[in-house]
Amino acid sequence: QVQLVESGGGLVQAGDSLRLSCAASGFTNRKYNMAWFRQAPGMEREFLGCISWNGVTTIYGDSVKGRFTISRDNAKNTEYLQMTSLKPEDTAVYYCAADLVAWGTPSPRDYFHWGQGTQVIVSS
């Protein structure tokens, strides 16, 4: 059974940095692409970016390009989201997602596996 578990969320101040982690388990095929999304109250789930199964290629959403960095350590089966220069509008629940087929698509419907989410609150 595939499981994705996010961690690292919390309360930070504007301008701070924060790193989220997503630990994956249960994949029998290691060639799964991973992505990060976030969802603020009353808003649709927003695509932040994704990373290919081998960690070579990343794609970012326009709202976080240049501030957020996605990486992965396949030896640890873990994906990371490094966030810098955080703003109050970055406040949301952050989700990691994984899929064997989906790549670069911003639609949450295209990703089969999801974590439970981790809350990030950025105070001004």
Protein backbone atom coordinates (compact mmCIF):
# COMPACT_ATOMS: atom_id res chain seq x y z
CA GLN A 1 0.00 0.00 0.00
CA VAL A 2 1.42 3.34 -1.08
CA GLN A 3 1.76 5.99 1.60
CA LEU A 4 2.93 9.58 1.40
CA VAL A 5 3.59 11.38 4.67
CA GLU A 6 4.38 15.10 4.75
CA SER A 7 6.19 16.80 7.60
CA GLY A 8 7.90 20.07 8.40
CA GLY A 9 4.99 22.48 8.42
CA GLY A 10 4.50 25.09 11.10
CA LEU A 11 4.20 28.75 11.96
CA VAL A 12 6.87 31.06 10.56
CA GLN A 13 7.29 34.78 9.95
CA ALA A 14 7.28 36.53 6.63
CA GLY A 15 10.71 36.30 5.03
CA ASP A 16 11.60 33.04 6.74
CA SER A 17 12.49 29.77 5.06
CA LEU A 18 11.00 26.34 5.67
CA ARG A 19 11.63 22.88 4.30
CA LEU A 20 8.87 20.34 3.91
CA SER A 21 9.47 16.64 3.50
CA CYS A 22 7.37 13.90 1.96
CA ALA A 23 8.29 10.34 2.79
CA ALA A 24 7.03 7.73 0.34
CA SER A 25 6.57 4.03 0.97
CA GLY A 26 4.91 1.08 -0.68
CA PHE A 27 5.88 1.76 -4.28
CA THR A 28 6.87 -1.43 -6.11
CA ASN A 29 7.91 0.62 -9.15
CA ARG A 30 10.41 3.30 -8.18
CA LYS A 31 9.88 5.35 -11.34
CA TYR A 32 7.21 7.62 -9.88
CA ASN A 33 7.14 11.35 -10.41
CA MET A 34 6.35 13.54 -7.43
CA ALA A 35 4.72 16.91 -7.04
CA TRP A 36 3.77 19.52 -4.46
CA PHE A 37 0.44 21.29 -4.22
CA ARG A 38 -1.08 23.63 -1.69
CA GLN A 39 -4.58 24.63 -0.78
CA ALA A 40 -5.63 27.73 1.09
CA PRO A 41 -9.10 28.00 2.68
CA GLY A 42 -11.77 28.51 0.06
CA MET A 43 -9.30 28.12 -2.80
CA GLU A 44 -8.60 25.39 -5.31
CA ARG A 45 -5.62 23.15 -4.88
CA GLU A 46 -2.65 24.89 -6.53
CA PHE A 47 0.19 23.19 -8.37
CA LEU A 48 3.59 24.27 -7.04
CA GLY A 49 5.87 22.02 -9.01
CA CYS A 50 7.03 18.52 -9.71
CA ILE A 51 10.18 16.46 -9.99
CA SER A 52 10.88 13.52 -12.24
CA TRP A 53 11.40 10.03 -10.87
CA ASN A 54 15.17 10.30 -11.25
CA GLY A 55 15.38 13.82 -9.83
CA VAL A 56 16.83 15.24 -13.02
CA THR A 57 13.99 17.48 -14.15
CA THR A 58 11.80 19.90 -12.24
CA ILE A 59 8.89 22.10 -13.27
CA TYR A 60 7.53 24.96 -11.17
CA GLY A 61 4.32 26.88 -11.03
CA ASP A 62 4.59 30.59 -11.76
CA SER A 63 3.58 31.66 -8.25
CA VAL A 64 6.61 30.04 -6.60
CA LYS A 65 9.22 30.03 -9.32
CA GLY A 66 12.48 31.37 -7.94
CA ARG A 67 11.43 31.03 -4.28
CA PHE A 68 10.66 27.32 -3.91
CA THR A 69 12.90 24.39 -4.81
CA ILE A 70 11.86 20.77 -5.17
CA SER A 71 14.34 17.95 -4.71
CA ARG A 72 14.28 14.29 -3.85
CA ASP A 73 16.53 11.69 -2.27
CA ASN A 74 15.63 8.33 -3.74
CA ALA A 75 17.84 6.50 -1.27
CA LYS A 76 15.53 7.82 1.44
CA ASN A 77 12.35 7.71 -0.69
CA THR A 78 11.79 11.32 0.27
CA GLU A 79 10.83 14.45 -1.64
CA TYR A 80 11.54 17.93 -0.34
CA LEU A 81 10.10 21.39 -0.82
CA GLN A 82 12.50 24.15 0.19
CA MET A 83 10.62 27.40 0.60
CA THR A 84 12.33 30.78 0.95
CA SER A 85 11.18 34.38 1.32
CA LEU A 86 7.84 33.18 2.63
CA LYS A 87 4.87 35.52 2.43
CA PRO A 88 1.56 35.54 4.29
CA GLU A 89 -0.13 34.48 1.05
CA ASP A 90 1.89 31.25 1.19
CA THR A 91 -0.28 30.19 4.13
CA ALA A 92 -1.97 26.93 3.14
CA VAL A 93 -2.05 23.20 3.64
CA TYR A 94 0.78 21.71 1.58
CA TYR A 95 0.35 18.32 -0.06
CA CYS A 96 2.72 16.02 -1.84
CA ALA A 97 1.49 13.82 -4.64
CA ALA A 98 2.95 11.00 -6.68
CA ASP A 99 2.09 9.22 -9.86
CA LEU A 100 3.72 6.76 -12.21
CA VAL A 101 2.37 8.54 -15.30
CA ALA A 102 1.50 12.17 -14.56
CA TRP A 103 4.27 14.61 -15.34
CA GLY A 104 4.16 18.39 -15.27
CA THR A 105 0.40 18.54 -15.19
CA PRO A 106 -1.08 21.16 -12.85
CA SER A 107 -4.33 19.27 -12.39
CA PRO A 108 -4.65 17.50 -9.03
CA ARG A 109 -6.94 14.95 -10.71
CA ASP A 110 -3.98 13.55 -12.63
CA TYR A 111 -2.13 12.42 -9.52
CA PHE A 112 -3.22 9.17 -7.92
CA HIS A 113 -1.36 9.14 -4.61
CA TRP A 114 -1.63 11.90 -2.00
CA GLY A 115 -0.35 12.66 1.44
CA GLN A 116 -2.49 13.97 4.27
CA GLY A 117 -1.06 17.48 4.09
CA THR A 118 0.93 19.68 6.43
CA GLN A 119 -0.12 23.16 7.52
CA VAL A 120 2.10 26.16 6.87
CA ILE A 121 1.18 29.51 8.40
CA VAL A 122 3.17 32.61 7.55
CA SER A 123 2.60 35.57 9.83
CA SER A 124 3.22 39.13 8.70
